[in-house]
Amino acid sequence: MKKNLLGKSDLLASELALGCMSLGKEEREARNIIETALEEGVNYFDTADLYDYGLNEAVVGAALKPIREQVILATKVGNRWQEGKEGWTWDPSKTYIKEAVKNSLKRLQTDYIDLYQLHGGTLDDPIEETIEAFEELKKEGLIRAYGLSSIRPNVIREFAARSSIDTVMMQYSPLDRRPEEEALPLLEQQRISAVARGPLAKGLLSASWREKLGKFQEKGFLDYSHAALTELLSEIENKLSNQRSLNALALRYTLHHPAVAAVVAGASSVSQLKENIRAVKETDLSKEEIHLIRQLTKPNRYAQHR
C-alpha cells in the first residue's frame, strides 16, 4: 500500500488508516481486524481516549504491542470524561493534556505516541497554552508529532498559523466537499497533511448505500435531502461504477487532493476492512472521473466559521 509523509514529520503513513472507534469491545474480533490490516500493508491506526472511555486505546495498544515500532499509532485528547462516565466536558488546558497523555500511554502500553491530536477546538480555547502543551510533550519525547481534529475553518487557520501541527483530521468525501473551499488549499500551502475521516459518508458511498438510506429519511445528509441522495447515488452508480465500486470512487476521490495524505475508515468486520483496502489500492481516478463527480455533487458550505 502506498505511504505518504504526514506534514513535515518523518511519519510515513499508509494511505488507508484504520479508524479504530468501530472495532467494538470484543478483543478477539478487534485483533483479527487489526492483524488483517497489518497483513494488507496498513500501518496507521487511529484511536482516541474518549472511545469506549479508554477501552479502545487498551484494545488497540495490546494488539499492536508486539510490532509497536513498525506502526503509526495516533490518538486524541481534549474530551475529559466524568468520574461516573455519564458524559464528558471539553478541556484543552495544558494541565489536562499533560495529565491525559500519561493515561493514554499506559492504556496503549507504549512509551510514546506517534501522532497526538487535539480532539476538537474552538476560538474560545486557550490556544497558546494548548500549543505549548503539545510542544513540550514533543520535546520530552512522549509524542513524535501532533495535530488537530476539527472541521472549523477558523480554528484550523489559527493552528496552521501559530503551531507546528503536522496534520488536520477533517470530514471529507464526495458528499462533503466543504474542505475544498478553504481548508485544503491552506493546508497544502502550509505543508500540513489533511487526514480525511468519514470518506464513505456514513456508508452512503458504499455498496450497501440503499440499506443505509433509511437513516437519512428525516434529516438527509448535509445539504442533501433523502430524495436528493437517492437520485444522486443512483446517478453516480449508473455513470461511474462500471469499473469501480462506490467505495473506490469515494476513497480515491478523497485521496486525489494533494493535501490529503490518508483516509481514515473504520471497520467492524474483516470483510468490511478488506473491501476498503481493495478500494484504496485501486489506481488513481482519471480527470474525467473527478470532473464527473464534481459535476454531480455539491461543493457544500460550512454553516458557520466558528
Protein backbone atom coordinates (compact mmCIF):
# COMPACT_ATOMS: atom_id res chain seq x y z
CA MET A 1 0.00 0.00 0.00
CA LYS A 2 1.24 3.47 -0.88
CA LYS A 3 2.55 5.55 2.03
CA ASN A 4 2.77 9.31 2.45
CA LEU A 5 4.61 11.55 4.88
CA LEU A 6 2.42 13.31 7.43
CA GLY A 7 3.18 17.01 7.21
CA LYS A 8 6.81 17.89 7.86
CA SER A 9 7.28 14.93 10.21
CA ASP A 10 9.11 11.70 9.44
CA LEU A 11 5.93 9.65 9.88
CA LEU A 12 5.35 7.59 6.73
CA ALA A 13 1.69 6.56 6.85
CA SER A 14 -0.35 4.17 4.72
CA GLU A 15 -2.98 5.87 2.58
CA LEU A 16 -5.63 3.94 4.49
CA ALA A 17 -5.67 4.40 8.24
CA LEU A 18 -7.79 2.06 10.31
CA GLY A 19 -10.26 4.11 12.33
CA CYS A 20 -10.42 2.05 15.49
CA MET A 21 -13.57 3.54 17.02
CA SER A 22 -15.77 0.94 15.33
CA LEU A 23 -13.70 -2.08 16.40
CA GLY A 24 -16.03 -2.77 19.30
CA LYS A 25 -15.28 -4.20 22.71
CA GLU A 26 -14.76 -7.84 21.70
CA GLU A 27 -10.99 -8.16 21.81
CA ARG A 28 -10.64 -11.25 19.60
CA GLU A 29 -12.59 -9.74 16.69
CA ALA A 30 -10.79 -6.43 17.09
CA ARG A 31 -7.44 -8.21 16.98
CA ASN A 32 -8.48 -10.10 13.81
CA ILE A 33 -9.33 -6.82 12.09
CA ILE A 34 -6.07 -5.19 13.18
CA GLU A 35 -3.98 -8.19 12.10
CA THR A 36 -5.69 -8.25 8.71
CA ALA A 37 -4.96 -4.55 8.29
CA LEU A 38 -1.28 -5.17 9.05
CA GLU A 39 -1.10 -8.06 6.57
CA GLU A 40 -2.51 -5.79 3.84
CA GLY A 41 0.03 -3.00 4.42
CA VAL A 42 -1.91 -0.70 6.76
CA ASN A 43 0.50 0.81 9.29
CA TYR A 44 -1.60 3.75 10.56
CA PHE A 45 -4.07 3.19 13.41
CA ASP A 46 -6.24 5.96 14.81
CA THR A 47 -7.98 5.87 18.19
CA ALA A 48 -8.91 8.34 20.95
CA ASP A 49 -9.02 8.38 24.73
CA LEU A 50 -12.77 9.02 24.52
CA TYR A 51 -13.65 5.89 22.55
CA ASP A 52 -15.33 3.47 24.94
CA TYR A 53 -13.87 5.60 27.76
CA GLY A 54 -10.33 4.38 27.18
CA LEU A 55 -11.10 0.74 26.42
CA ASN A 56 -10.48 1.26 22.70
CA GLU A 57 -6.96 2.50 23.40
CA ALA A 58 -6.34 -0.53 25.58
CA VAL A 59 -7.54 -2.98 22.92
CA VAL A 60 -5.52 -1.29 20.16
CA GLY A 61 -2.43 -1.00 22.33
CA ALA A 62 -2.48 -4.67 23.28
CA ALA A 63 -2.86 -5.78 19.65
CA LEU A 64 -0.04 -3.55 18.38
CA LYS A 65 2.41 -4.01 21.24
CA PRO A 66 4.41 -6.84 19.57
CA ILE A 67 5.11 -4.68 16.49
CA ARG A 68 4.95 -1.24 18.08
CA GLU A 69 7.92 0.27 16.23
CA GLN A 70 6.52 -0.76 12.84
CA VAL A 71 3.27 1.20 13.10
CA ILE A 72 1.99 4.75 13.44
CA LEU A 73 -0.19 4.99 16.50
CA ALA A 74 -2.45 8.04 16.69
CA THR A 75 -4.77 9.05 19.49
CA LYS A 76 -6.63 12.16 20.64
CA VAL A 77 -7.14 14.32 23.71
CA GLY A 78 -9.37 17.12 24.97
CA ASN A 79 -12.62 15.41 25.92
CA ARG A 80 -12.49 14.82 29.65
CA TRP A 81 -14.92 12.21 30.79
CA GLN A 82 -16.70 12.47 34.10
CA GLU A 83 -15.98 10.14 37.01
CA GLY A 84 -19.16 8.12 36.54
CA LYS A 85 -18.66 8.03 32.75
CA GLU A 86 -22.08 9.57 32.22
CA GLY A 87 -20.64 12.23 29.92
CA TRP A 88 -17.64 14.40 29.21
CA THR A 89 -16.53 18.01 29.13
CA TRP A 90 -14.16 19.88 26.84
CA ASP A 91 -10.77 20.63 28.40
CA PRO A 92 -7.91 21.79 26.13
CA SER A 93 -5.84 23.11 29.04
CA LYS A 94 -2.13 22.39 29.27
CA THR A 95 -2.60 20.77 32.68
CA TYR A 96 -5.17 18.32 31.39
CA ILE A 97 -3.33 17.45 28.16
CA LYS A 98 -0.14 16.64 30.06
CA GLU A 99 -2.10 14.54 32.54
CA ALA A 100 -4.16 12.76 29.87
CA VAL A 101 -1.17 11.74 27.76
CA LYS A 102 0.19 9.66 30.64
CA ASN A 103 -3.09 7.76 30.89
CA SER A 104 -3.17 7.18 27.14
CA LEU A 105 0.42 5.90 27.15
CA LYS A 106 -0.47 3.47 29.91
CA ARG A 107 -3.57 2.16 28.14
CA LEU A 108 -1.70 1.90 24.81
CA GLN A 109 1.20 0.08 26.52
CA THR A 110 3.79 2.29 24.85
CA ASP A 111 6.44 4.85 25.75
CA TYR A 112 5.47 7.29 23.01
CA ILE A 113 2.59 8.30 20.73
CA ASP A 114 3.38 8.89 17.07
CA LEU A 115 0.59 11.39 16.42
CA TYR A 116 -1.26 13.13 19.27
CA GLN A 117 -4.29 15.13 18.19
CA LEU A 118 -6.48 17.75 19.82
CA HIS A 119 -9.95 16.23 19.60
CA GLY A 120 -11.87 19.38 18.64
CA GLY A 121 -11.26 23.03 19.40
CA THR A 122 -12.90 26.46 19.39
CA LEU A 123 -11.66 30.03 19.14
CA ASP A 124 -12.53 30.44 22.82
CA ASP A 125 -9.87 27.91 23.83
CA PRO A 126 -6.53 28.97 25.38
CA ILE A 127 -4.83 28.15 22.07
CA GLU A 128 -1.31 29.27 23.03
CA GLU A 129 -1.46 27.17 26.18
CA THR A 130 -2.72 24.16 24.20
CA ILE A 131 0.08 24.50 21.66
CA GLU A 132 2.63 24.85 24.45
CA ALA A 133 1.46 21.55 25.95
CA PHE A 134 1.95 19.68 22.68
CA GLU A 135 5.33 21.31 22.02
CA GLU A 136 6.57 20.30 25.48
CA LEU A 137 5.37 16.72 25.00
CA LYS A 138 7.25 16.62 21.72
CA LYS A 139 10.47 17.88 23.35
CA GLU A 140 10.05 15.33 26.13
CA GLY A 141 9.84 12.53 23.56
CA LEU A 142 6.35 11.44 24.63
CA ILE A 143 4.93 12.27 21.21
CA ARG A 144 6.58 12.40 17.77
CA ALA A 145 4.14 14.79 16.10
CA TYR A 146 0.85 16.48 16.87
CA GLY A 147 -2.22 17.57 15.01
CA LEU A 148 -5.77 18.81 15.16
CA SER A 149 -9.08 17.05 14.61
CA SER A 150 -11.51 19.75 13.52
CA ILE A 151 -13.86 20.87 10.76
CA ARG A 152 -13.87 24.52 11.89
CA PRO A 153 -12.06 26.68 9.32
CA ASN A 154 -11.24 29.46 11.78
CA VAL A 155 -9.73 27.03 14.28
CA ILE A 156 -7.72 25.32 11.54
CA ARG A 157 -6.41 28.71 10.42
CA GLU A 158 -5.30 29.62 13.95
CA PHE A 159 -3.38 26.39 14.50
CA ALA A 160 -1.87 26.49 11.00
CA ALA A 161 -0.54 29.99 11.70
CA ARG A 162 0.55 29.59 15.33
CA SER A 163 1.70 25.99 15.78
CA SER A 164 3.83 23.31 14.14
CA ILE A 165 0.97 20.85 13.60
CA ASP A 166 1.64 18.18 11.01
CA THR A 167 -1.94 17.04 10.42
CA VAL A 168 -5.56 18.14 10.47
CA MET A 169 -8.18 15.43 10.58
CA MET A 170 -11.40 16.58 8.97
CA GLN A 171 -14.58 15.18 7.49
CA TYR A 172 -14.18 14.96 3.72
CA SER A 173 -15.84 12.92 0.98
CA PRO A 174 -17.57 13.44 -2.37
CA LEU A 175 -20.74 14.15 -0.38
CA ASP A 176 -18.97 16.55 1.99
CA ARG A 177 -16.71 18.75 -0.09
CA ARG A 178 -16.57 21.64 2.38
CA PRO A 179 -12.77 21.38 2.92
CA GLU A 180 -12.15 22.10 -0.77
CA GLU A 181 -13.27 25.69 -0.36
CA GLU A 182 -10.69 26.84 2.15
CA ALA A 183 -9.08 24.23 4.38
CA LEU A 184 -7.35 22.00 1.84
CA PRO A 185 -5.72 24.85 -0.14
CA LEU A 186 -4.47 26.35 3.14
CA LEU A 187 -3.04 23.05 4.37
CA GLU A 188 -1.34 22.35 1.05
CA GLN A 189 0.28 25.78 1.17
CA GLN A 190 1.46 25.26 4.76
CA ARG A 191 2.69 21.68 4.12
CA ILE A 192 0.25 20.31 6.68
CA SER A 193 -1.35 16.98 5.81
CA ALA A 194 -5.09 16.52 5.77
CA VAL A 195 -6.33 13.22 7.15
CA ALA A 196 -9.84 12.60 5.88
CA ARG A 197 -12.39 10.97 8.15
CA GLY A 198 -15.85 9.93 7.03
CA PRO A 199 -14.70 9.28 3.44
CA LEU A 200 -17.64 6.91 2.87
CA ALA A 201 -20.18 9.41 4.26
CA LYS A 202 -21.64 7.09 6.90
CA GLY A 203 -21.89 4.24 4.41
CA LEU A 204 -23.76 6.23 1.74
CA LEU A 205 -20.78 5.82 -0.58
CA SER A 206 -20.61 2.05 -0.30
CA ALA A 207 -22.22 -0.94 -1.95
CA SER A 208 -24.85 -1.04 0.82
CA TRP A 209 -25.98 2.57 0.32
CA ARG A 210 -29.62 1.56 -0.28
CA GLU A 211 -29.72 -0.11 3.13
CA LYS A 212 -28.19 2.98 4.76
CA LEU A 213 -30.60 5.46 3.16
CA GLY A 214 -33.35 4.82 5.69
CA LYS A 215 -31.33 6.53 8.42
CA PHE A 216 -31.42 9.76 6.40
CA GLN A 217 -35.17 9.79 5.76
CA GLU A 218 -35.89 12.77 8.01
CA LYS A 219 -32.73 14.90 8.15
CA GLY A 220 -30.89 13.92 4.99
CA PHE A 221 -27.11 14.41 4.86
CA LEU A 222 -25.71 17.95 4.99
CA ASP A 223 -27.33 19.84 2.06
CA TYR A 224 -28.88 16.68 0.60
CA SER A 225 -32.44 15.62 1.29
CA HIS A 226 -33.36 11.93 1.31
CA ALA A 227 -34.84 12.26 -2.18
CA ALA A 228 -31.74 14.10 -3.47
CA LEU A 229 -29.47 11.40 -2.03
CA THR A 230 -31.47 8.66 -3.70
CA GLU A 231 -31.27 10.39 -7.07
CA LEU A 232 -27.60 11.34 -6.74
CA LEU A 233 -26.32 7.97 -5.58
CA SER A 234 -28.25 6.18 -8.31
CA GLU A 235 -26.73 8.55 -10.87
CA ILE A 236 -23.19 8.08 -9.53
CA GLU A 237 -23.65 4.32 -9.56
CA ASN A 238 -25.02 4.35 -13.13
CA LYS A 239 -22.44 6.71 -14.59
CA LEU A 240 -19.29 5.82 -12.70
CA SER A 241 -19.38 2.38 -11.17
CA ASN A 242 -18.92 0.22 -14.28
CA GLN A 243 -15.25 -0.31 -13.48
CA ARG A 244 -15.08 0.73 -9.82
CA SER A 245 -17.06 0.18 -6.64
CA LEU A 246 -18.64 3.14 -4.88
CA ASN A 247 -16.08 2.59 -2.09
CA ALA A 248 -13.24 3.00 -4.58
CA LEU A 249 -14.77 6.10 -6.15
CA ALA A 250 -15.18 7.69 -2.72
CA LEU A 251 -11.80 6.77 -1.28
CA ARG A 252 -9.79 7.53 -4.42
CA TYR A 253 -11.64 10.84 -4.90
CA THR A 254 -10.83 11.85 -1.32
CA LEU A 255 -7.17 10.92 -1.82
CA HIS A 256 -6.82 12.77 -5.13
CA HIS A 257 -6.28 16.15 -3.46
CA PRO A 258 -2.54 16.74 -2.91
CA ALA A 259 -3.14 17.95 0.66
CA VAL A 260 -4.70 14.62 1.70
CA ALA A 261 -2.16 12.11 2.97
CA ALA A 262 -4.53 9.45 4.25
CA VAL A 263 -8.16 8.48 4.69
CA VAL A 264 -9.42 7.11 7.99
CA ALA A 265 -12.07 4.45 7.57
CA GLY A 266 -13.49 2.29 10.32
CA ALA A 267 -14.30 -1.39 10.03
CA SER A 268 -16.44 -3.56 12.27
CA SER A 269 -15.56 -6.76 10.37
CA VAL A 270 -12.68 -8.23 8.41
CA SER A 271 -14.77 -8.30 5.21
CA GLN A 272 -15.58 -4.59 5.52
CA LEU A 273 -11.91 -3.80 6.05
CA LYS A 274 -10.85 -5.84 3.00
CA GLU A 275 -13.39 -4.01 0.85
CA ASN A 276 -11.86 -0.67 1.85
CA ILE A 277 -8.32 -1.96 1.31
CA ARG A 278 -9.19 -3.15 -2.22
CA ALA A 279 -10.73 0.26 -2.92
CA VAL A 280 -7.70 2.24 -1.73
CA LYS A 281 -5.31 0.03 -3.69
CA GLU A 282 -7.05 0.84 -6.97
CA THR A 283 -5.47 3.25 -9.45
CA ASP A 284 -6.00 6.99 -9.18
CA LEU A 285 -9.19 8.40 -10.65
CA SER A 286 -8.96 9.85 -14.11
CA LYS A 287 -9.55 13.54 -14.74
CA GLU A 288 -12.85 12.59 -16.34
CA GLU A 289 -13.99 10.66 -13.25
CA ILE A 290 -13.05 13.53 -10.93
CA HIS A 291 -14.80 16.04 -13.18
CA LEU A 292 -17.98 13.98 -13.29
CA ILE A 293 -18.07 13.51 -9.52
CA ARG A 294 -17.69 17.26 -9.08
CA GLN A 295 -20.44 17.92 -11.60
CA LEU A 296 -22.86 15.59 -9.83
CA THR A 297 -22.13 16.60 -6.22
CA LYS A 298 -22.37 19.92 -4.37
CA PRO A 299 -19.32 21.83 -3.14
CA ASN A 300 -21.19 22.40 0.20
CA ARG A 301 -20.65 25.30 2.59
CA TYR A 302 -19.89 25.43 6.30
CA ALA A 303 -22.89 26.67 8.25
CA GLN A 304 -20.66 28.85 10.39
CA HIS A 305 -16.98 29.72 10.63
CA ARG A 306 -16.55 29.24 14.37
